[in-house]
C-alpha cells in the first residue's frame, strides 16, 4: 500500500497492511532529528521515519506584522507574543492581551482580524502533486481553536468568564476567529481540487480531569461551529480531524454527531481517556490519532516501554483499523531521540 492508501484504509475502519503513523514535534525536536539523519530537510526526516501523512499550508502574505526589539512579535491574529525559554526549550507565549480592551461588539468587529485573502493558496495543488502518495492534511490545531485562540488575545480567565456569562464581546471575538478559519479552509479545499484527505481543526475542550465547559454550555456555544467545519470538510471529500487536549469523553457522542471523523491526541493520562476503553465504546464511529503518552512514556520511559505502548495501542485501538499512531501531543524537547525512533520502528515492524 502507499501511505495514502494505508491511511484511507484505516480511516474506513478496515485493516491496512500496517497501522499508519504520523509525526508531531517542537522545533527543537525537528532539529534533533535533522541532525540525527544528517539533513536540513524535515521532509527527509519524515521519509526516514516512514510517516504516512503530509501537512500542506497556505502561507501568510498579508500586511507586515509588527516586531519589537525585546523579542515581542505580532501574529496574524493581532496578538502579541514572545518566545519564553524553559529548562528544555522555548514556547511562544502571549504577553499582551489586546482583545481585553474591547468595550463593545462594534469594537471587536473593527479590530484588525485577518482576512482569508491574506494567504497564498496558489501552491496547494502543486503541493498535492508533490505528496501524491501520502495522505494530505490541511490545517492545524489552531484552525478554529475558539477557546485557546481567543484566550491568547483576551486572557484565559476572561475567556472562562465569557463562556460562563455568554459575554457578547468574548463570543464576538470567537465569531470573528471562526469566520476567518472557515473561509480560509474552504478556499484551500477548493484550491486543492478535492485532493485534501484530512481537514485538521482544533479547540481544547478538556482539562486533565474533565471538561473545561459543561456539556450543555458546550452544546449551545460550540457544537454549531464544530458541525459547520465538519460539513465543510465533508463537502470537499475530506475527513475532519479534531484536535482537543484533555478529558472530553462526556461529549464524544456529540463530537460524532457533529461529524468528527478523527479525534486527535487522545491523551491516555487524562480522566476517562483510556484509548482501549474509548475504542471499545466508540471505535466503529470515530478514528483515533495519537494515543502515545507524551506525559510519561515518551519523555520518561525506556525504549522498551515505548515499544510496549505502541504494540498495545496497535493491538487494541488499531484493531479493525481506525488508528493513526502518533504522540499524544508534540514531542517535547526533553524526549530522548531513541524513544522517538523506537516509536516509528515499532509501527513499521508490528
C-alpha atoms as a PDB file:
ATOM      1  CA  UNK A   1       0.000   0.000   0.000  1.00  0.00           C
ATOM      2  CA  UNK A   2       1.031   3.607  -0.487  1.00  0.00           C
ATOM      3  CA  UNK A   3       0.907   5.785   2.589  1.00  0.00           C
ATOM      4  CA  UNK A   4      -2.278   7.405   1.340  1.00  0.00           C
ATOM      5  CA  UNK A   5      -3.941   4.036   0.741  1.00  0.00           C
ATOM      6  CA  UNK A   6      -2.830   2.900   4.200  1.00  0.00           C
ATOM      7  CA  UNK A   7      -4.306   5.947   5.930  1.00  0.00           C
ATOM      8  CA  UNK A   8      -7.573   5.910   3.990  1.00  0.00           C
ATOM      9  CA  UNK A   9      -7.993   2.193   4.661  1.00  0.00           C
ATOM     10  CA  UNK A  10      -7.532   2.748   8.392  1.00  0.00           C
ATOM     11  CA  UNK A  11      -9.951   5.693   8.322  1.00  0.00           C
ATOM     12  CA  UNK A  12     -12.591   3.498   6.689  1.00  0.00           C
ATOM     13  CA  UNK A  13     -12.338   1.141   9.692  1.00  0.00           C
ATOM     14  CA  UNK A  14     -10.603  -1.573   7.720  1.00  0.00           C
ATOM     15  CA  UNK A  15      -7.251  -3.215   8.419  1.00  0.00           C
ATOM     16  CA  UNK A  16      -4.342  -1.805   6.357  1.00  0.00           C
ATOM     17  CA  UNK A  17      -1.055  -3.586   5.627  1.00  0.00           C
ATOM     18  CA  UNK A  18       0.276  -1.894   8.786  1.00  0.00           C
ATOM     19  CA  UNK A  19      -1.004   0.783  11.130  1.00  0.00           C
ATOM     20  CA  UNK A  20      -0.198   4.259   9.738  1.00  0.00           C
ATOM     21  CA  UNK A  21       1.904   6.711  11.715  1.00  0.00           C
ATOM     22  CA  UNK A  22       2.172  10.482  11.969  1.00  0.00           C
ATOM     23  CA  UNK A  23       4.695  12.943  13.399  1.00  0.00           C
ATOM     24  CA  UNK A  24       4.220  15.949  15.714  1.00  0.00           C
ATOM     25  CA  UNK A  25       7.256  17.736  17.129  1.00  0.00           C
ATOM     26  CA  UNK A  26       8.502  21.009  18.558  1.00  0.00           C
ATOM     27  CA  UNK A  27      11.162  22.885  16.552  1.00  0.00           C
ATOM     28  CA  UNK A  28      13.839  21.624  18.935  1.00  0.00           C
ATOM     29  CA  UNK A  29      12.877  18.022  18.226  1.00  0.00           C
ATOM     30  CA  UNK A  30      12.739  18.725  14.482  1.00  0.00           C
ATOM     31  CA  UNK A  31      16.320  19.971  14.725  1.00  0.00           C
ATOM     32  CA  UNK A  32      17.494  16.967  16.752  1.00  0.00           C
ATOM     33  CA  UNK A  33      16.087  14.592  14.164  1.00  0.00           C
ATOM     34  CA  UNK A  34      17.573  16.572  11.270  1.00  0.00           C
ATOM     35  CA  UNK A  35      20.964  16.293  12.944  1.00  0.00           C
ATOM     36  CA  UNK A  36      20.463  12.579  13.535  1.00  0.00           C
ATOM     37  CA  UNK A  37      19.611  11.958   9.884  1.00  0.00           C
ATOM     38  CA  UNK A  38      22.262  14.407   8.553  1.00  0.00           C
ATOM     39  CA  UNK A  39      19.795  16.618   6.709  1.00  0.00           C
ATOM     40  CA  UNK A  40      18.400  20.142   6.730  1.00  0.00           C
ATOM     41  CA  UNK A  41      15.018  18.962   5.444  1.00  0.00           C
ATOM     42  CA  UNK A  42      12.086  17.957   7.619  1.00  0.00           C
ATOM     43  CA  UNK A  43      10.686  16.097   4.593  1.00  0.00           C
ATOM     44  CA  UNK A  44      13.743  13.852   4.686  1.00  0.00           C
ATOM     45  CA  UNK A  45      13.153  13.221   8.390  1.00  0.00           C
ATOM     46  CA  UNK A  46       9.549  12.232   7.683  1.00  0.00           C
ATOM     47  CA  UNK A  47      10.682   9.905   4.903  1.00  0.00           C
ATOM     48  CA  UNK A  48      13.244   8.255   7.184  1.00  0.00           C
ATOM     49  CA  UNK A  49      10.609   7.726   9.872  1.00  0.00           C
ATOM     50  CA  UNK A  50       8.126   6.419   7.243  1.00  0.00           C
ATOM     51  CA  UNK A  51       5.481   8.930   8.289  1.00  0.00           C
ATOM     52  CA  UNK A  52       2.289   8.456   6.275  1.00  0.00           C
ATOM     53  CA  UNK A  53       0.801  11.976   6.317  1.00  0.00           C
ATOM     54  CA  UNK A  54       1.960  15.320   4.962  1.00  0.00           C
ATOM     55  CA  UNK A  55       0.620  18.708   6.060  1.00  0.00           C
ATOM     56  CA  UNK A  56       0.303  21.457   3.458  1.00  0.00           C
ATOM     57  CA  UNK A  57      -0.424  25.117   4.133  1.00  0.00           C
ATOM     58  CA  UNK A  58      -1.300  28.438   2.532  1.00  0.00           C
ATOM     59  CA  UNK A  59       1.382  30.870   3.748  1.00  0.00           C
ATOM     60  CA  UNK A  60       0.602  34.320   5.069  1.00  0.00           C
ATOM     61  CA  UNK A  61       1.114  37.143   2.554  1.00  0.00           C
ATOM     62  CA  UNK A  62      -0.904  39.854   4.282  1.00  0.00           C
ATOM     63  CA  UNK A  63       0.189  43.162   5.818  1.00  0.00           C
ATOM     64  CA  UNK A  64       3.526  43.223   7.596  1.00  0.00           C
ATOM     65  CA  UNK A  65       3.325  42.097  11.211  1.00  0.00           C
ATOM     66  CA  UNK A  66       4.919  44.175  13.961  1.00  0.00           C
ATOM     67  CA  UNK A  67       8.042  43.186  15.868  1.00  0.00           C
ATOM     68  CA  UNK A  68       9.797  44.805  18.849  1.00  0.00           C
ATOM     69  CA  UNK A  69      13.465  44.893  19.919  1.00  0.00           C
ATOM     70  CA  UNK A  70      12.734  42.930  23.105  1.00  0.00           C
ATOM     71  CA  UNK A  71      11.572  39.887  21.102  1.00  0.00           C
ATOM     72  CA  UNK A  72       7.831  40.543  21.145  1.00  0.00           C
ATOM     73  CA  UNK A  73       6.022  39.973  17.872  1.00  0.00           C
ATOM     74  CA  UNK A  74       2.537  40.323  16.459  1.00  0.00           C
ATOM     75  CA  UNK A  75       0.929  37.215  14.992  1.00  0.00           C
ATOM     76  CA  UNK A  76      -1.701  37.034  12.257  1.00  0.00           C
ATOM     77  CA  UNK A  77      -4.479  37.395  14.869  1.00  0.00           C
ATOM     78  CA  UNK A  78      -3.156  40.731  16.138  1.00  0.00           C
ATOM     79  CA  UNK A  79      -1.955  39.097  19.354  1.00  0.00           C
ATOM     80  CA  UNK A  80       1.387  39.977  20.969  1.00  0.00           C
ATOM     81  CA  UNK A  81       3.629  37.023  21.764  1.00  0.00           C
ATOM     82  CA  UNK A  82       7.201  36.277  22.769  1.00  0.00           C
ATOM     83  CA  UNK A  83       9.414  33.209  22.901  1.00  0.00           C
ATOM     84  CA  UNK A  84       9.764  32.217  26.547  1.00  0.00           C
ATOM     85  CA  UNK A  85      12.539  29.780  27.436  1.00  0.00           C
ATOM     86  CA  UNK A  86      12.120  26.890  29.842  1.00  0.00           C
ATOM     87  CA  UNK A  87      14.595  24.263  31.007  1.00  0.00           C
ATOM     88  CA  UNK A  88      14.186  22.176  27.861  1.00  0.00           C
ATOM     89  CA  UNK A  89      13.369  24.614  25.061  1.00  0.00           C
ATOM     90  CA  UNK A  90      11.105  27.568  24.386  1.00  0.00           C
ATOM     91  CA  UNK A  91       7.444  28.279  23.672  1.00  0.00           C
ATOM     92  CA  UNK A  92       5.687  31.209  22.074  1.00  0.00           C
ATOM     93  CA  UNK A  93       3.550  32.728  24.815  1.00  0.00           C
ATOM     94  CA  UNK A  94       1.030  35.570  24.888  1.00  0.00           C
ATOM     95  CA  UNK A  95       2.476  38.575  26.711  1.00  0.00           C
ATOM     96  CA  UNK A  96      -0.170  41.230  25.957  1.00  0.00           C
ATOM     97  CA  UNK A  97      -3.929  40.908  25.556  1.00  0.00           C
ATOM     98  CA  UNK A  98      -5.330  43.404  23.036  1.00  0.00           C
ATOM     99  CA  UNK A  99      -8.806  41.810  22.983  1.00  0.00           C
ATOM    100  CA  UNK A 100      -9.197  42.548  26.695  1.00  0.00           C
ATOM    101  CA  UNK A 101      -9.559  46.242  25.870  1.00  0.00           C
ATOM    102  CA  UNK A 102     -12.747  45.781  23.832  1.00  0.00           C
ATOM    103  CA  UNK A 103     -15.739  47.575  25.335  1.00  0.00           C
ATOM    104  CA  UNK A 104     -18.344  46.711  22.711  1.00  0.00           C
ATOM    105  CA  UNK A 105     -19.119  44.232  19.960  1.00  0.00           C
ATOM    106  CA  UNK A 106     -18.602  47.062  17.490  1.00  0.00           C
ATOM    107  CA  UNK A 107     -15.003  47.453  18.684  1.00  0.00           C
ATOM    108  CA  UNK A 108     -14.497  43.731  18.165  1.00  0.00           C
ATOM    109  CA  UNK A 109     -15.711  43.957  14.584  1.00  0.00           C
ATOM    110  CA  UNK A 110     -13.496  46.954  13.819  1.00  0.00           C
ATOM    111  CA  UNK A 111     -10.347  45.188  15.024  1.00  0.00           C
ATOM    112  CA  UNK A 112      -7.674  44.119  12.545  1.00  0.00           C
ATOM    113  CA  UNK A 113      -8.809  40.498  12.132  1.00  0.00           C
ATOM    114  CA  UNK A 114      -7.054  38.536   9.387  1.00  0.00           C
ATOM    115  CA  UNK A 115      -8.817  38.113   6.063  1.00  0.00           C
ATOM    116  CA  UNK A 116      -8.889  34.893   4.082  1.00  0.00           C
ATOM    117  CA  UNK A 117      -7.256  36.665   1.135  1.00  0.00           C
ATOM    118  CA  UNK A 118      -4.169  37.372   3.238  1.00  0.00           C
ATOM    119  CA  UNK A 119      -2.967  33.833   2.467  1.00  0.00           C
ATOM    120  CA  UNK A 120      -1.454  32.359  -0.696  1.00  0.00           C
ATOM    121  CA  UNK A 121      -3.345  29.294  -1.929  1.00  0.00           C
ATOM    122  CA  UNK A 122      -1.652  29.154  -5.333  1.00  0.00           C
ATOM    123  CA  UNK A 123       0.782  26.351  -4.466  1.00  0.00           C
ATOM    124  CA  UNK A 124      -1.652  23.972  -2.811  1.00  0.00           C
ATOM    125  CA  UNK A 125      -2.356  21.970  -5.958  1.00  0.00           C
ATOM    126  CA  UNK A 126       1.375  21.631  -6.636  1.00  0.00           C
ATOM    127  CA  UNK A 127       1.915  20.539  -3.029  1.00  0.00           C
ATOM    128  CA  UNK A 128      -0.715  17.851  -3.528  1.00  0.00           C
ATOM    129  CA  UNK A 129       1.200  16.674  -6.610  1.00  0.00           C
ATOM    130  CA  UNK A 130       4.454  16.636  -4.640  1.00  0.00           C
ATOM    131  CA  UNK A 131       2.949  14.476  -1.903  1.00  0.00           C
ATOM    132  CA  UNK A 132       0.555  12.430  -4.002  1.00  0.00           C
ATOM    133  CA  UNK A 133       1.448   9.075  -2.385  1.00  0.00           C
ATOM    134  CA  UNK A 134       0.802  10.429   1.121  1.00  0.00           C
ATOM    135  CA  UNK A 135      -2.395  11.318   2.963  1.00  0.00           C
ATOM    136  CA  UNK A 136      -2.632  15.091   2.617  1.00  0.00           C
ATOM    137  CA  UNK A 137      -3.680  17.254   5.553  1.00  0.00           C
ATOM    138  CA  UNK A 138      -4.639  20.918   5.549  1.00  0.00           C
ATOM    139  CA  UNK A 139      -4.969  22.831   8.794  1.00  0.00           C
ATOM    140  CA  UNK A 140      -3.613  22.641  12.327  1.00  0.00           C
ATOM    141  CA  UNK A 141      -4.835  22.601  15.935  1.00  0.00           C
ATOM    142  CA  UNK A 142      -5.125  26.397  15.636  1.00  0.00           C
ATOM    143  CA  UNK A 143      -7.621  26.112  12.796  1.00  0.00           C
ATOM    144  CA  UNK A 144     -10.779  27.256  14.621  1.00  0.00           C
ATOM    145  CA  UNK A 145      -9.397  27.000  18.204  1.00  0.00           C
ATOM    146  CA  UNK A 146     -12.048  29.311  19.615  1.00  0.00           C
ATOM    147  CA  UNK A 147     -11.209  28.934  23.313  1.00  0.00           C
ATOM    148  CA  UNK A 148      -7.404  28.869  23.295  1.00  0.00           C
ATOM    149  CA  UNK A 149      -7.104  31.127  20.295  1.00  0.00           C
ATOM    150  CA  UNK A 150      -9.291  33.783  21.879  1.00  0.00           C
ATOM    151  CA  UNK A 151      -7.562  33.429  25.267  1.00  0.00           C
ATOM    152  CA  UNK A 152      -4.223  34.277  23.659  1.00  0.00           C
ATOM    153  CA  UNK A 153      -5.663  37.705  22.889  1.00  0.00           C
ATOM    154  CA  UNK A 154      -8.091  38.171  25.778  1.00  0.00           C
ATOM    155  CA  UNK A 155      -6.651  36.204  28.717  1.00  0.00           C
ATOM    156  CA  UNK A 156      -7.631  32.749  29.973  1.00  0.00           C
ATOM    157  CA  UNK A 157      -9.647  33.935  32.975  1.00  0.00           C
ATOM    158  CA  UNK A 158     -11.585  36.421  30.885  1.00  0.00           C
ATOM    159  CA  UNK A 159     -12.466  33.778  28.300  1.00  0.00           C
ATOM    160  CA  UNK A 160     -13.717  31.442  31.041  1.00  0.00           C
ATOM    161  CA  UNK A 161     -15.960  34.268  32.271  1.00  0.00           C
ATOM    162  CA  UNK A 162     -17.010  34.994  28.662  1.00  0.00           C
ATOM    163  CA  UNK A 163     -18.201  31.413  28.267  1.00  0.00           C
ATOM    164  CA  UNK A 164     -19.874  31.198  31.675  1.00  0.00           C
ATOM    165  CA  UNK A 165     -21.694  34.518  31.267  1.00  0.00           C
ATOM    166  CA  UNK A 166     -22.115  34.310  27.485  1.00  0.00           C
ATOM    167  CA  UNK A 167     -20.484  37.722  27.243  1.00  0.00           C
ATOM    168  CA  UNK A 168     -21.327  39.203  23.819  1.00  0.00           C
ATOM    169  CA  UNK A 169     -17.838  40.712  23.463  1.00  0.00           C
ATOM    170  CA  UNK A 170     -15.987  37.461  24.100  1.00  0.00           C
ATOM    171  CA  UNK A 171     -18.375  35.492  21.897  1.00  0.00           C
ATOM    172  CA  UNK A 172     -17.952  38.078  19.131  1.00  0.00           C
ATOM    173  CA  UNK A 173     -14.176  37.502  19.254  1.00  0.00           C
ATOM    174  CA  UNK A 174     -14.813  33.794  18.756  1.00  0.00           C
ATOM    175  CA  UNK A 175     -17.197  34.516  15.892  1.00  0.00           C
ATOM    176  CA  UNK A 176     -14.596  36.619  14.089  1.00  0.00           C
ATOM    177  CA  UNK A 177     -11.954  33.925  14.518  1.00  0.00           C
ATOM    178  CA  UNK A 178     -14.318  31.223  13.307  1.00  0.00           C
ATOM    179  CA  UNK A 179     -15.290  33.192  10.206  1.00  0.00           C
ATOM    180  CA  UNK A 180     -11.677  33.573   9.102  1.00  0.00           C
ATOM    181  CA  UNK A 181     -10.818  29.916   9.721  1.00  0.00           C
ATOM    182  CA  UNK A 182     -13.915  28.668   7.920  1.00  0.00           C
ATOM    183  CA  UNK A 183     -13.345  30.921   4.894  1.00  0.00           C
ATOM    184  CA  UNK A 184      -9.637  30.107   4.718  1.00  0.00           C
ATOM    185  CA  UNK A 185     -10.327  26.381   4.941  1.00  0.00           C
ATOM    186  CA  UNK A 186     -12.917  26.499   2.186  1.00  0.00           C
ATOM    187  CA  UNK A 187     -10.644  28.389  -0.205  1.00  0.00           C
ATOM    188  CA  UNK A 188      -7.871  25.859   0.484  1.00  0.00           C
ATOM    189  CA  UNK A 189     -10.174  22.893  -0.099  1.00  0.00           C
ATOM    190  CA  UNK A 190     -11.325  24.446  -3.366  1.00  0.00           C
ATOM    191  CA  UNK A 191      -7.784  25.260  -4.493  1.00  0.00           C
ATOM    192  CA  UNK A 192      -6.662  21.690  -3.860  1.00  0.00           C
ATOM    193  CA  UNK A 193      -9.439  20.356  -6.055  1.00  0.00           C
ATOM    194  CA  UNK A 194     -10.701  17.706  -3.666  1.00  0.00           C
ATOM    195  CA  UNK A 195      -7.244  16.242  -3.028  1.00  0.00           C
ATOM    196  CA  UNK A 196      -7.040  17.145   0.653  1.00  0.00           C
ATOM    197  CA  UNK A 197      -7.728  13.962   2.588  1.00  0.00           C
ATOM    198  CA  UNK A 198      -7.981  15.441   6.086  1.00  0.00           C
ATOM    199  CA  UNK A 199      -9.137  18.875   7.249  1.00  0.00           C
ATOM    200  CA  UNK A 200      -7.433  19.447  10.597  1.00  0.00           C
ATOM    201  CA  UNK A 201      -9.203  21.696  13.098  1.00  0.00           C
ATOM    202  CA  UNK A 202      -8.892  22.205  16.841  1.00  0.00           C
ATOM    203  CA  UNK A 203     -10.376  23.517  20.058  1.00  0.00           C
ATOM    204  CA  UNK A 204      -9.252  22.481  23.546  1.00  0.00           C
ATOM    205  CA  UNK A 205     -12.458  21.445  25.301  1.00  0.00           C
ATOM    206  CA  UNK A 206     -10.872  19.494  28.163  1.00  0.00           C
ATOM    207  CA  UNK A 207      -8.614  19.750  31.198  1.00  0.00           C
ATOM    208  CA  UNK A 208      -6.672  16.861  32.702  1.00  0.00           C
ATOM    209  CA  UNK A 209      -9.616  15.940  34.919  1.00  0.00           C
ATOM    210  CA  UNK A 210     -12.721  16.829  32.944  1.00  0.00           C
ATOM    211  CA  UNK A 211     -14.415  19.202  30.556  1.00  0.00           C
ATOM    212  CA  UNK A 212     -13.485  22.871  30.534  1.00  0.00           C
ATOM    213  CA  UNK A 213     -17.116  23.667  29.660  1.00  0.00           C
ATOM    214  CA  UNK A 214     -20.178  21.756  30.826  1.00  0.00           C
ATOM    215  CA  UNK A 215     -21.908  19.618  28.175  1.00  0.00           C
ATOM    216  CA  UNK A 216     -24.998  21.848  27.932  1.00  0.00           C
ATOM    217  CA  UNK A 217     -23.000  25.058  27.533  1.00  0.00           C
ATOM    218  CA  UNK A 218     -20.646  23.332  25.089  1.00  0.00           C
ATOM    219  CA  UNK A 219     -23.612  22.191  23.021  1.00  0.00           C
ATOM    220  CA  UNK A 220     -25.039  25.691  22.846  1.00  0.00           C
ATOM    221  CA  UNK A 221     -21.850  27.634  22.191  1.00  0.00           C
ATOM    222  CA  UNK A 222     -19.502  25.300  20.322  1.00  0.00           C
ATOM    223  CA  UNK A 223     -21.426  22.448  18.690  1.00  0.00           C
ATOM    224  CA  UNK A 224     -22.842  24.554  15.823  1.00  0.00           C
ATOM    225  CA  UNK A 225     -19.431  25.845  14.754  1.00  0.00           C
ATOM    226  CA  UNK A 226     -17.831  22.408  15.037  1.00  0.00           C
ATOM    227  CA  UNK A 227     -20.634  20.948  12.920  1.00  0.00           C
ATOM    228  CA  UNK A 228     -20.180  23.690  10.314  1.00  0.00           C
ATOM    229  CA  UNK A 229     -16.458  22.888   9.986  1.00  0.00           C
ATOM    230  CA  UNK A 230     -17.219  19.183   9.662  1.00  0.00           C
ATOM    231  CA  UNK A 231     -19.826  19.845   6.984  1.00  0.00           C
ATOM    232  CA  UNK A 232     -17.295  21.983   5.138  1.00  0.00           C
ATOM    233  CA  UNK A 233     -14.677  19.248   5.096  1.00  0.00           C
ATOM    234  CA  UNK A 234     -17.166  16.620   4.006  1.00  0.00           C
ATOM    235  CA  UNK A 235     -18.438  18.868   1.214  1.00  0.00           C
ATOM    236  CA  UNK A 236     -14.991  18.597  -0.399  1.00  0.00           C
ATOM    237  CA  UNK A 237     -14.463  14.913   0.314  1.00  0.00           C
ATOM    238  CA  UNK A 238     -12.148  15.364   3.309  1.00  0.00           C
ATOM    239  CA  UNK A 239     -12.256  13.613   6.650  1.00  0.00           C
ATOM    240  CA  UNK A 240     -12.289  16.051   9.579  1.00  0.00           C
ATOM    241  CA  UNK A 241      -9.767  15.642  12.399  1.00  0.00           C
ATOM    242  CA  UNK A 242     -10.432  17.486  15.652  1.00  0.00           C
ATOM    243  CA  UNK A 243      -7.541  18.270  17.982  1.00  0.00           C
ATOM    244  CA  UNK A 244      -8.531  18.622  21.610  1.00  0.00           C
ATOM    245  CA  UNK A 245      -6.357  18.145  24.649  1.00  0.00           C
ATOM    246  CA  UNK A 246      -7.603  16.777  27.944  1.00  0.00           C
ATOM    247  CA  UNK A 247     -10.626  14.826  29.121  1.00  0.00           C
ATOM    248  CA  UNK A 248     -13.557  15.102  26.718  1.00  0.00           C
ATOM    249  CA  UNK A 249     -15.176  11.654  26.979  1.00  0.00           C
ATOM    250  CA  UNK A 250     -18.540  13.119  28.083  1.00  0.00           C
ATOM    251  CA  UNK A 251     -19.068  14.912  24.755  1.00  0.00           C
ATOM    252  CA  UNK A 252     -17.783  12.209  22.393  1.00  0.00           C
ATOM    253  CA  UNK A 253     -21.330  11.267  21.305  1.00  0.00           C
ATOM    254  CA  UNK A 254     -21.854  14.918  20.362  1.00  0.00           C
ATOM    255  CA  UNK A 255     -18.493  15.115  18.575  1.00  0.00           C
ATOM    256  CA  UNK A 256     -19.573  12.149  16.487  1.00  0.00           C
ATOM    257  CA  UNK A 257     -22.983  13.742  15.903  1.00  0.00           C
ATOM    258  CA  UNK A 258     -21.263  16.919  14.697  1.00  0.00           C
ATOM    259  CA  UNK A 259     -19.377  14.886  12.109  1.00  0.00           C
ATOM    260  CA  UNK A 260     -15.878  14.496  13.594  1.00  0.00           C
ATOM    261  CA  UNK A 261     -14.155  11.613  11.800  1.00  0.00           C
ATOM    262  CA  UNK A 262     -10.843  11.551  13.686  1.00  0.00           C
ATOM    263  CA  UNK A 263     -10.038  12.580  17.259  1.00  0.00           C
ATOM    264  CA  UNK A 264      -6.513  13.940  17.611  1.00  0.00           C
ATOM    265  CA  UNK A 265      -4.328  13.486  20.689  1.00  0.00           C
ATOM    266  CA  UNK A 266      -6.242  11.024  22.923  1.00  0.00           C
ATOM    267  CA  UNK A 267      -4.103  11.763  25.992  1.00  0.00           C
ATOM    268  CA  UNK A 268      -4.105   8.446  27.894  1.00  0.00           C
ATOM    269  CA  UNK A 269      -3.447  10.007  31.328  1.00  0.00           C
ATOM    270  CA  UNK A 270      -6.445  12.340  31.188  1.00  0.00           C
ATOM    271  CA  UNK A 271      -9.557  11.249  33.087  1.00  0.00           C
ATOM    272  CA  UNK A 272     -11.784   8.781  31.209  1.00  0.00           C
ATOM    273  CA  UNK A 273      -9.492   8.855  28.158  1.00  0.00           C
ATOM    274  CA  UNK A 274      -8.110   5.309  28.215  1.00  0.00           C
ATOM    275  CA  UNK A 275      -7.617   4.629  24.493  1.00  0.00           C
ATOM    276  CA  UNK A 276      -8.716   0.982  24.632  1.00  0.00           C
ATOM    277  CA  UNK A 277     -11.880   1.928  26.511  1.00  0.00           C
ATOM    278  CA  UNK A 278     -12.713   4.677  24.021  1.00  0.00           C
ATOM    279  CA  UNK A 279     -12.128   2.247  21.153  1.00  0.00           C
ATOM    280  CA  UNK A 280     -14.450  -0.318  22.716  1.00  0.00           C
ATOM    281  CA  UNK A 281     -17.231   2.240  23.108  1.00  0.00           C
ATOM    282  CA  UNK A 282     -16.829   4.455  20.041  1.00  0.00           C
ATOM    283  CA  UNK A 283     -14.451   2.632  17.702  1.00  0.00           C
ATOM    284  CA  UNK A 284     -16.913   1.972  14.899  1.00  0.00           C
ATOM    285  CA  UNK A 285     -17.935   5.639  14.750  1.00  0.00           C
ATOM    286  CA  UNK A 286     -14.704   7.621  15.066  1.00  0.00           C
ATOM    287  CA  UNK A 287     -10.991   7.139  14.374  1.00  0.00           C
ATOM    288  CA  UNK A 288      -8.031   7.875  16.639  1.00  0.00           C
ATOM    289  CA  UNK A 289      -4.888   9.939  16.040  1.00  0.00           C
ATOM    290  CA  UNK A 290      -2.183   9.966  18.704  1.00  0.00           C
ATOM    291  CA  UNK A 291      -2.565   7.844  21.890  1.00  0.00           C
ATOM    292  CA  UNK A 292       1.165   7.514  22.731  1.00  0.00           C
ATOM    293  CA  UNK A 293       1.885   9.207  26.056  1.00  0.00           C
ATOM    294  CA  UNK A 294       3.819  12.473  25.950  1.00  0.00           C
ATOM    295  CA  UNK A 295       3.359  12.959  29.697  1.00  0.00           C
ATOM    296  CA  UNK A 296       5.054   9.757  30.841  1.00  0.00           C
ATOM    297  CA  UNK A 297       6.192   7.122  28.370  1.00  0.00           C
ATOM    298  CA  UNK A 298       7.912   9.158  25.672  1.00  0.00           C
ATOM    299  CA  UNK A 299       9.849  11.598  27.887  1.00  0.00           C
ATOM    300  CA  UNK A 300      10.498   9.363  30.898  1.00  0.00           C
ATOM    301  CA  UNK A 301      10.145   5.749  29.777  1.00  0.00           C
ATOM    302  CA  UNK A 302      12.751   3.384  28.416  1.00  0.00           C
ATOM    303  CA  UNK A 303      12.834   2.239  24.809  1.00  0.00           C
ATOM    304  CA  UNK A 304      11.145  -0.993  25.897  1.00  0.00           C
ATOM    305  CA  UNK A 305       8.296   0.998  27.451  1.00  0.00           C
ATOM    306  CA  UNK A 306       7.707   2.879  24.190  1.00  0.00           C
ATOM    307  CA  UNK A 307       7.734  -0.353  22.198  1.00  0.00           C
ATOM    308  CA  UNK A 308       5.251  -1.982  24.582  1.00  0.00           C
ATOM    309  CA  UNK A 309       2.883   1.007  24.495  1.00  0.00           C
ATOM    310  CA  UNK A 310       2.907   1.231  20.697  1.00  0.00           C
ATOM    311  CA  UNK A 311       2.254  -2.517  20.391  1.00  0.00           C
ATOM    312  CA  UNK A 312      -0.582  -2.268  22.903  1.00  0.00           C
ATOM    313  CA  UNK A 313      -2.222   0.622  21.026  1.00  0.00           C
ATOM    314  CA  UNK A 314      -1.988  -1.207  17.717  1.00  0.00           C
ATOM    315  CA  UNK A 315      -3.413  -4.378  19.283  1.00  0.00           C
ATOM    316  CA  UNK A 316      -6.363  -2.634  20.940  1.00  0.00           C
ATOM    317  CA  UNK A 317      -7.107   0.737  19.316  1.00  0.00           C
ATOM    318  CA  UNK A 318      -5.805  -0.350  15.902  1.00  0.00           C
ATOM    319  CA  UNK A 319      -7.943  -3.471  15.757  1.00  0.00           C
ATOM    320  CA  UNK A 320     -10.011  -3.383  12.525  1.00  0.00           C
ATOM    321  CA  UNK A 321      -8.364  -0.084  11.541  1.00  0.00           C
ATOM    322  CA  UNK A 322      -9.329   3.306  12.883  1.00  0.00           C
ATOM    323  CA  UNK A 323      -5.916   4.323  14.271  1.00  0.00           C
ATOM    324  CA  UNK A 324      -3.088   6.628  13.185  1.00  0.00           C
ATOM    325  CA  UNK A 325      -0.291   6.168  15.727  1.00  0.00           C
ATOM    326  CA  UNK A 326       1.352   9.415  16.835  1.00  0.00           C
ATOM    327  CA  UNK A 327       2.463  11.137  20.019  1.00  0.00           C
ATOM    328  CA  UNK A 328      -0.467  12.389  22.093  1.00  0.00           C
ATOM    329  CA  UNK A 329       0.921  15.906  21.589  1.00  0.00           C
ATOM    330  CA  UNK A 330       4.088  17.316  20.035  1.00  0.00           C
ATOM    331  CA  UNK A 331       7.269  15.519  21.045  1.00  0.00           C
ATOM    332  CA  UNK A 332       8.767  17.830  23.669  1.00  0.00           C
ATOM    333  CA  UNK A 333      12.441  18.918  23.661  1.00  0.00           C
ATOM    334  CA  UNK A 334      13.341  16.620  26.568  1.00  0.00           C
ATOM    335  CA  UNK A 335      12.133  13.483  24.773  1.00  0.00           C
ATOM    336  CA  UNK A 336      15.077  11.103  24.197  1.00  0.00           C
ATOM    337  CA  UNK A 337      15.673  10.614  20.500  1.00  0.00           C
ATOM    338  CA  UNK A 338      15.937   6.844  20.965  1.00  0.00           C
ATOM    339  CA  UNK A 339      12.336   6.823  22.235  1.00  0.00           C
ATOM    340  CA  UNK A 340      11.157   8.719  19.158  1.00  0.00           C
ATOM    341  CA  UNK A 341      12.967   6.315  16.841  1.00  0.00           C
ATOM    342  CA  UNK A 342      11.562   3.341  18.758  1.00  0.00           C
ATOM    343  CA  UNK A 343       8.004   4.589  18.190  1.00  0.00           C
ATOM    344  CA  UNK A 344       8.410   4.599  14.408  1.00  0.00           C
ATOM    345  CA  UNK A 345      10.472   1.417  14.263  1.00  0.00           C
ATOM    346  CA  UNK A 346       7.697  -0.365  16.128  1.00  0.00           C
ATOM    347  CA  UNK A 347       4.976   0.969  13.834  1.00  0.00           C
ATOM    348  CA  UNK A 348       6.862  -0.362  10.822  1.00  0.00           C
ATOM    349  CA  UNK A 349       7.573  -3.772  12.300  1.00  0.00           C
ATOM    350  CA  UNK A 350       4.342  -4.785  14.063  1.00  0.00           C
END
